[in-house]
Amino acid sequence: MAKTPRNDGEGDYLYDALSEYLEHVRVAYRLHEDKRPVMLFDIQEQRIYAYGYEGFKSELSVKSQVALAEQYEQARKSGEMVVFVRDNDNRRLASYLIDCD
């Protein structure tokens, strides 16, 4: 299911929140699969977003852009998707590689 979190082991509660919506994330990804979107799940809103890679990347810090580029390439090679989980209340953002199926 999930591969290595990109936040140095923190964020298990973020993955737990994502896991409840994982099938919905997969469905949303499949709707835009031809564009290979970066997915975002917002915990407070309980909403799923699909973003174009370049647009999403441009909103990140330089360090996070590098990490996303590596993770996105790995996802492309392995047939996975990149999913971010955002917790605005605790100011946390974590990303995961998730199987598309």
Protein backbone atom coordinates (compact mmCIF):
# COMPACT_ATOMS: atom_id res chain seq x y z
CA MET A 1 0.00 0.00 0.00
CA ALA A 2 1.98 2.99 1.22
CA LYS A 3 5.64 3.33 0.51
CA THR A 4 8.07 5.51 2.39
CA PRO A 5 6.54 8.68 3.85
CA ARG A 6 8.47 11.76 2.73
CA ASN A 7 8.46 13.34 6.18
CA ASP A 8 11.10 11.26 7.99
CA GLY A 9 8.73 8.85 9.70
CA GLU A 10 6.32 11.36 11.16
CA GLY A 11 2.72 11.51 10.14
CA ASP A 12 1.28 8.08 10.83
CA TYR A 13 -2.02 9.75 11.71
CA LEU A 14 -1.93 11.38 8.30
CA TYR A 15 -1.69 8.01 6.58
CA ASP A 16 -4.41 6.65 8.86
CA ALA A 17 -6.70 9.48 7.75
CA LEU A 18 -5.81 8.85 4.11
CA SER A 19 -6.45 5.12 4.39
CA GLU A 20 -10.13 5.78 5.15
CA TYR A 21 -10.45 7.58 1.79
CA LEU A 22 -7.98 5.54 -0.25
CA GLU A 23 -10.52 4.04 -2.63
CA HIS A 24 -11.98 7.50 -3.29
CA VAL A 25 -8.47 8.82 -3.99
CA ARG A 26 -7.89 5.99 -6.45
CA VAL A 27 -11.16 6.70 -8.25
CA ALA A 28 -10.30 10.40 -8.48
CA TYR A 29 -6.83 9.54 -9.78
CA ARG A 30 -8.25 7.25 -12.46
CA LEU A 31 -10.48 10.08 -13.71
CA HIS A 32 -7.33 12.08 -14.51
CA GLU A 33 -4.84 9.23 -14.95
CA ASP A 34 -3.81 10.34 -18.44
CA LYS A 35 -2.39 13.53 -16.86
CA ARG A 36 -0.58 11.66 -14.04
CA PRO A 37 -1.80 14.10 -11.37
CA VAL A 38 -0.44 14.69 -7.92
CA MET A 39 -3.24 13.90 -5.50
CA LEU A 40 -4.01 15.84 -2.33
CA PHE A 41 -6.29 14.76 0.50
CA ASP A 42 -7.27 17.56 2.90
CA ILE A 43 -8.13 16.16 6.32
CA GLN A 44 -10.24 19.05 7.58
CA GLU A 45 -12.20 19.46 4.36
CA GLN A 46 -12.28 15.70 3.75
CA ARG A 47 -11.80 16.51 0.09
CA ILE A 48 -9.63 15.03 -2.62
CA TYR A 49 -7.89 17.19 -5.21
CA ALA A 50 -6.00 16.26 -8.39
CA TYR A 51 -3.29 18.72 -9.45
CA GLY A 52 -1.04 18.95 -12.45
CA TYR A 53 2.51 18.07 -11.47
CA GLU A 54 4.17 21.34 -12.53
CA GLY A 55 1.53 23.53 -10.92
CA PHE A 56 1.64 21.65 -7.64
CA LYS A 57 5.42 21.54 -7.61
CA SER A 58 5.68 25.29 -8.12
CA GLU A 59 3.81 25.88 -4.84
CA LEU A 60 6.40 23.96 -2.78
CA SER A 61 9.70 25.01 -1.24
CA VAL A 62 12.85 24.23 -3.24
CA LYS A 63 13.68 21.32 -0.93
CA SER A 64 10.18 19.90 -1.27
CA GLN A 65 10.31 20.37 -5.05
CA VAL A 66 13.38 18.17 -5.22
CA ALA A 67 11.75 15.52 -3.03
CA LEU A 68 8.57 15.61 -5.13
CA ALA A 69 10.53 15.28 -8.38
CA GLU A 70 12.25 12.15 -7.06
CA GLN A 71 9.04 10.69 -5.70
CA TYR A 72 7.06 11.50 -8.86
CA GLU A 73 9.68 9.79 -11.03
CA GLN A 74 9.65 6.75 -8.76
CA ALA A 75 5.84 6.66 -8.97
CA ARG A 76 6.00 6.85 -12.75
CA LYS A 77 8.41 3.93 -12.94
CA SER A 78 6.48 1.75 -10.50
CA GLY A 79 2.95 2.58 -11.67
CA GLU A 80 2.04 4.30 -8.42
CA MET A 81 0.65 7.74 -7.62
CA VAL A 82 1.93 10.49 -5.34
CA VAL A 83 -0.61 11.42 -2.68
CA PHE A 84 -0.18 14.33 -0.28
CA VAL A 85 -2.12 14.52 2.95
CA ARG A 86 -2.65 17.98 4.42
CA ASP A 87 -3.56 18.80 7.99
CA ASN A 88 -4.06 22.55 8.21
CA ASP A 89 -4.83 22.51 11.95
CA ASN A 90 -1.42 21.04 12.78
CA ARG A 91 0.37 22.59 9.80
CA ARG A 92 1.50 19.24 8.43
CA LEU A 93 1.91 17.96 4.90
CA ALA A 94 3.14 14.47 4.08
CA SER A 95 3.41 12.59 0.82
CA TYR A 96 3.13 8.91 0.04
CA LEU A 97 3.53 6.61 -2.92
CA ILE A 98 0.33 4.62 -3.26
CA ASP A 99 -0.64 1.77 -5.56
CA CYS A 100 -3.14 2.94 -8.15
CA ASP A 101 -5.15 -0.29 -7.91
